[in-house]
Each structure stands twice: as structure tokens, then as C-alpha cells.
């Protein structure tokens, strides 16, 4: 019987694409079209046909692998993919839409909402009921088409336009419970983490 490693090795030799069901990563249980690059006993390194960057996949998490010829192999010992979590945020495209959605979700909560252009945050309250100005969790858009550089001739920092590559992560989430902020390419992904931070932080509750 052909096993998964043999299917992958065949694709590497012929340079053909490969379909795998991977019960890990950001899309567990979904079929992925890949171009395999290398294979070891533990890992498969492959890239998306539309990308040049390789990714590593654990062999023990590959539930099945198939070729365009129809040849296929499965691994029944692979743990099933975890159930997909229902997102609290739809696939929004603009900050305005996102801010409106967040305000709707939080409108009946005892949260102090801070909002500005391309910025949305949540802060708690002091025991006397006065709102805190320092945010506990924030979501913001950072324009990656502009970068700050130091001009040696003038001795000053200047903003310059830069060409976008399409791999930028302009949406950033910060929280007091996170050591560093996290950036995302898609706004709804950032908003999902933002809400998780809001709901997980009990200090945001009024008069806490």
C-alpha cells in the first residue's frame, strides 16, 4: 500500500503539485494545494503555488495526500482536526466597518470605548467610576506604505513612501496582557484577537 511519504516523494521527483489534508496550522482539516520541496521522516517543506516561501508541515499531522493522477494515501492514525471555532467577527474589509461591528458587540457592556481615526480601544474604569484613558486593549491600522528613515544629510528623521509587497500586516493589536503587540494582514483576524483580549481581561469591568 502506498503511504503518504511515498506520495510526497513522487510529487517531488516529478515536480508536480500535491493535495494534502493537514490537521494543524491555521486551517486544520482543509485541503491544501502545495508544491513539495523536501521531505524528511518528520517534516515536509512545501510552498503554495502562488508563493515563493516554503512552509514546514509535520508528517504526523498529514491526514491524507493525493496527486493529480488520482493516487492517494491516508493516515488513519492522525488525530482529527479540532472543530472550527465560530468567529465573532465577519470578514470585514475597512476599519470603519470593523469599528461599527465592535461597538455593536460592546454597546451593552460596562466598557470605556476609545475611538479615533484608524484606532479603536477599550479601557477600564477607576473605582470612583471615572474612565481610564490608558487602553487595556487596542486595535489600530498602521500605514505600511510609509516608513520613517534617518536623513544623514539633514540629521533628521523623514517619512518616505515605500512600495507595498502584498505581504504587509497593517492591522495591529496591543494589550496589557501581551508582552508584544501582534500584527495581521486581515482586519477581521486582528479584531478577533482584540475581542479575545477584551473579554479575557476582567479588569475592564466597571468598578472592578
Protein backbone atom coordinates (compact mmCIF):
# COMPACT_ATOMS: atom_id res chain seq x y z
CA UNK A 1 0.00 0.00 0.00
CA UNK A 2 1.30 3.44 -0.92
CA UNK A 3 1.88 5.63 2.11
CA UNK A 4 1.84 9.40 2.46
CA UNK A 5 5.62 9.76 2.31
CA UNK A 6 5.72 7.84 -0.98
CA UNK A 7 3.06 10.10 -2.47
CA UNK A 8 5.01 13.18 -1.42
CA UNK A 9 8.29 11.79 -2.72
CA UNK A 10 6.65 11.05 -6.07
CA UNK A 11 5.47 14.66 -6.33
CA UNK A 12 8.95 15.95 -5.50
CA UNK A 13 10.55 13.78 -8.20
CA UNK A 14 8.05 14.79 -10.89
CA UNK A 15 7.79 18.44 -9.76
CA UNK A 16 4.01 18.20 -9.63
CA UNK A 17 1.56 19.74 -7.19
CA UNK A 18 0.24 17.85 -4.24
CA UNK A 19 -3.01 18.00 -2.28
CA UNK A 20 -2.87 17.33 1.44
CA UNK A 21 -5.33 17.48 4.31
CA UNK A 22 -3.37 18.87 7.23
CA UNK A 23 -4.83 18.64 10.72
CA UNK A 24 -2.79 21.51 12.07
CA UNK A 25 -1.89 25.13 11.41
CA UNK A 26 -4.39 27.91 10.80
CA UNK A 27 -6.71 25.82 8.56
CA UNK A 28 -6.92 22.37 10.19
CA UNK A 29 -8.81 19.76 8.20
CA UNK A 30 -8.88 21.78 4.99
CA UNK A 31 -7.38 20.61 1.70
CA UNK A 32 -4.25 22.47 0.59
CA UNK A 33 -2.62 22.60 -2.85
CA UNK A 34 1.16 22.57 -2.44
CA UNK A 35 4.39 22.17 -4.34
CA UNK A 36 6.60 19.89 -2.20
CA UNK A 37 10.25 20.91 -1.91
CA UNK A 38 11.85 18.46 0.50
CA UNK A 39 10.92 15.58 2.78
CA UNK A 40 12.35 14.06 5.95
CA UNK A 41 11.00 11.43 8.33
CA UNK A 42 9.31 14.18 10.35
CA UNK A 43 8.74 17.19 8.09
CA UNK A 44 7.52 18.22 4.67
CA UNK A 45 8.72 21.54 3.32
CA UNK A 46 6.41 22.85 0.61
CA UNK A 47 5.14 26.11 -0.83
CA UNK A 48 1.86 27.43 -2.09
CA UNK A 49 1.81 27.59 -5.92
CA UNK A 50 1.26 31.36 -5.69
CA UNK A 51 4.11 31.94 -3.24
CA UNK A 52 7.87 31.51 -3.22
CA UNK A 53 8.16 30.97 0.51
CA UNK A 54 8.33 27.44 1.86
CA UNK A 55 6.40 26.23 4.92
CA UNK A 56 7.05 23.24 7.14
CA UNK A 57 4.35 20.62 7.72
CA UNK A 58 4.62 17.85 10.31
CA UNK A 59 4.21 14.42 8.70
CA UNK A 60 2.29 13.07 11.70
CA UNK A 61 -0.38 15.77 11.14
CA UNK A 62 -0.98 14.99 7.44
CA UNK A 63 -4.25 13.03 7.28
CA UNK A 64 -4.10 12.40 3.52
CA UNK A 65 -2.07 13.20 0.41
CA UNK A 66 -3.07 12.87 -3.23
CA UNK A 67 -1.68 13.52 -6.71
CA UNK A 68 -3.40 14.88 -9.78
CA UNK A 69 -3.29 11.36 -11.23
CA UNK A 70 -5.71 10.23 -8.53
CA UNK A 71 -3.16 8.31 -6.48
CA UNK A 72 -3.89 8.88 -2.82
CA UNK A 73 -2.75 7.78 0.62
CA UNK A 74 -4.28 8.32 4.06
CA UNK A 75 -3.06 8.03 7.62
CA UNK A 76 -5.88 6.88 9.93
CA UNK A 77 -3.67 7.42 12.98
CA UNK A 78 -3.64 11.20 12.50
CA UNK A 79 -5.69 12.95 15.18
CA UNK A 80 -8.85 14.51 13.75
CA UNK A 81 -8.89 18.24 13.14
CA UNK A 82 -10.32 20.26 16.04
CA UNK A 83 -13.79 21.71 15.45
CA UNK A 84 -13.68 25.11 13.80
CA UNK A 85 -14.33 27.93 16.24
CA UNK A 86 -17.11 30.29 15.29
CA UNK A 87 -15.65 33.72 14.71
CA UNK A 88 -17.12 36.75 16.47
CA UNK A 89 -16.09 38.95 13.55
CA UNK A 90 -17.17 38.57 9.90
CA UNK A 91 -14.68 39.12 7.07
CA UNK A 92 -14.75 42.90 7.09
CA UNK A 93 -12.56 44.99 4.78
CA UNK A 94 -12.50 48.53 6.19
CA UNK A 95 -11.67 49.98 9.58
CA UNK A 96 -14.97 51.87 9.61
CA UNK A 97 -16.93 48.63 9.23
CA UNK A 98 -14.83 46.94 11.88
CA UNK A 99 -15.23 49.75 14.42
CA UNK A 100 -19.01 49.78 13.89
CA UNK A 101 -19.16 46.00 14.41
CA UNK A 102 -17.07 46.18 17.59
CA UNK A 103 -19.19 49.00 19.01
CA UNK A 104 -22.32 46.95 18.38
CA UNK A 105 -20.86 43.95 20.22
CA UNK A 106 -19.72 46.06 23.17
CA UNK A 107 -22.57 48.58 23.36
CA UNK A 108 -24.26 46.93 26.37
CA UNK A 109 -21.02 46.31 28.26
CA UNK A 110 -19.55 48.43 31.03
CA UNK A 111 -16.50 49.26 28.94
CA UNK A 112 -14.90 52.59 28.20
CA UNK A 113 -14.57 52.77 24.41
CA UNK A 114 -11.85 54.94 22.91
CA UNK A 115 -12.10 55.71 19.21
CA UNK A 116 -10.14 57.77 16.73
CA UNK A 117 -9.36 57.56 13.03
CA UNK A 118 -7.93 54.09 12.38
CA UNK A 119 -7.88 53.40 16.14
CA UNK A 120 -10.27 51.55 18.45
CA UNK A 121 -9.54 50.69 22.08
CA UNK A 122 -11.09 49.59 25.33
CA UNK A 123 -10.16 50.88 28.76
CA UNK A 124 -11.47 50.19 32.22
CA UNK A 125 -12.82 52.43 34.94
CA UNK A 126 -11.46 53.62 38.26
CA UNK A 127 -13.35 52.58 41.40
CA UNK A 128 -14.86 56.08 41.58
CA UNK A 129 -16.44 55.50 38.18
CA UNK A 130 -14.14 57.75 36.17
CA UNK A 131 -12.93 56.22 32.89
CA UNK A 132 -9.29 55.31 32.44
CA UNK A 133 -7.53 56.88 29.46
CA UNK A 134 -4.85 54.22 29.14
CA UNK A 135 -6.20 51.38 26.96
CA UNK A 136 -6.16 47.80 28.13
CA UNK A 137 -6.61 46.51 24.56
CA UNK A 138 -6.38 48.36 21.27
CA UNK A 139 -6.76 47.77 17.54
CA UNK A 140 -5.18 50.12 15.03
CA UNK A 141 -4.26 50.49 11.38
CA UNK A 142 -0.60 51.24 10.63
CA UNK A 143 0.08 52.60 7.16
CA UNK A 144 2.83 50.35 5.81
CA UNK A 145 3.14 52.40 2.62
CA UNK A 146 5.09 54.99 4.62
CA UNK A 147 8.31 54.40 6.54
CA UNK A 148 10.41 56.65 8.74
CA UNK A 149 14.09 56.92 7.73
CA UNK A 150 17.01 58.93 9.00
CA UNK A 151 18.40 61.50 6.56
CA UNK A 152 22.15 61.68 7.09
CA UNK A 153 22.42 64.99 5.22
CA UNK A 154 19.82 66.83 7.31
CA UNK A 155 20.29 64.86 10.51
CA UNK A 156 16.53 64.43 10.81
CA UNK A 157 14.00 61.63 10.51
CA UNK A 158 11.76 61.80 7.45
CA UNK A 159 8.76 59.90 6.16
CA UNK A 160 9.14 58.25 2.77
CA UNK A 161 6.79 56.30 0.56
CA UNK A 162 7.61 52.63 0.07
CA UNK A 163 6.32 50.11 -2.45
CA UNK A 164 3.96 47.56 -0.95
CA UNK A 165 4.66 43.86 -1.50
CA UNK A 166 1.24 42.49 -0.60
CA UNK A 167 2.63 40.68 2.44
CA UNK A 168 2.24 43.59 4.84
CA UNK A 169 0.46 43.25 8.18
CA UNK A 170 -1.04 46.71 8.78
CA UNK A 171 -3.56 45.73 11.49
CA UNK A 172 -2.05 45.69 14.99
CA UNK A 173 -3.44 44.55 18.33
CA UNK A 174 -1.91 45.57 21.66
CA UNK A 175 -2.98 44.50 25.12
CA UNK A 176 -1.67 44.85 28.66
CA UNK A 177 -1.70 41.05 28.93
CA UNK A 178 0.55 40.64 25.86
CA UNK A 179 4.31 41.20 26.03
CA UNK A 180 4.34 42.42 22.42
CA UNK A 181 1.67 43.54 20.01
CA UNK A 182 0.60 41.27 17.15
CA UNK A 183 0.12 42.33 13.54
CA UNK A 184 -2.22 40.83 10.95
CA UNK A 185 -2.73 41.01 7.21
CA UNK A 186 -6.53 40.85 7.59
CA UNK A 187 -8.55 43.17 9.79
CA UNK A 188 -11.10 40.57 10.92
CA UNK A 189 -8.29 38.38 12.27
CA UNK A 190 -6.96 41.33 14.27
CA UNK A 191 -10.44 42.19 15.53
CA UNK A 192 -10.95 38.59 16.69
CA UNK A 193 -7.83 38.74 18.86
CA UNK A 194 -8.82 42.19 20.10
CA UNK A 195 -12.16 40.86 21.33
CA UNK A 196 -10.49 37.88 22.97
CA UNK A 197 -8.26 40.26 24.90
CA UNK A 198 -11.22 42.44 25.87
CA UNK A 199 -13.32 39.55 27.19
CA UNK A 200 -10.39 37.85 28.91
CA UNK A 201 -9.42 40.92 30.91
CA UNK A 202 -11.71 41.18 33.90
CA UNK A 203 -10.13 44.50 34.91
CA UNK A 204 -12.17 46.18 32.18
CA UNK A 205 -15.38 45.70 34.10
CA UNK A 206 -16.71 48.87 35.62
CA UNK A 207 -15.94 49.32 39.31
CA UNK A 208 -13.82 46.17 39.31
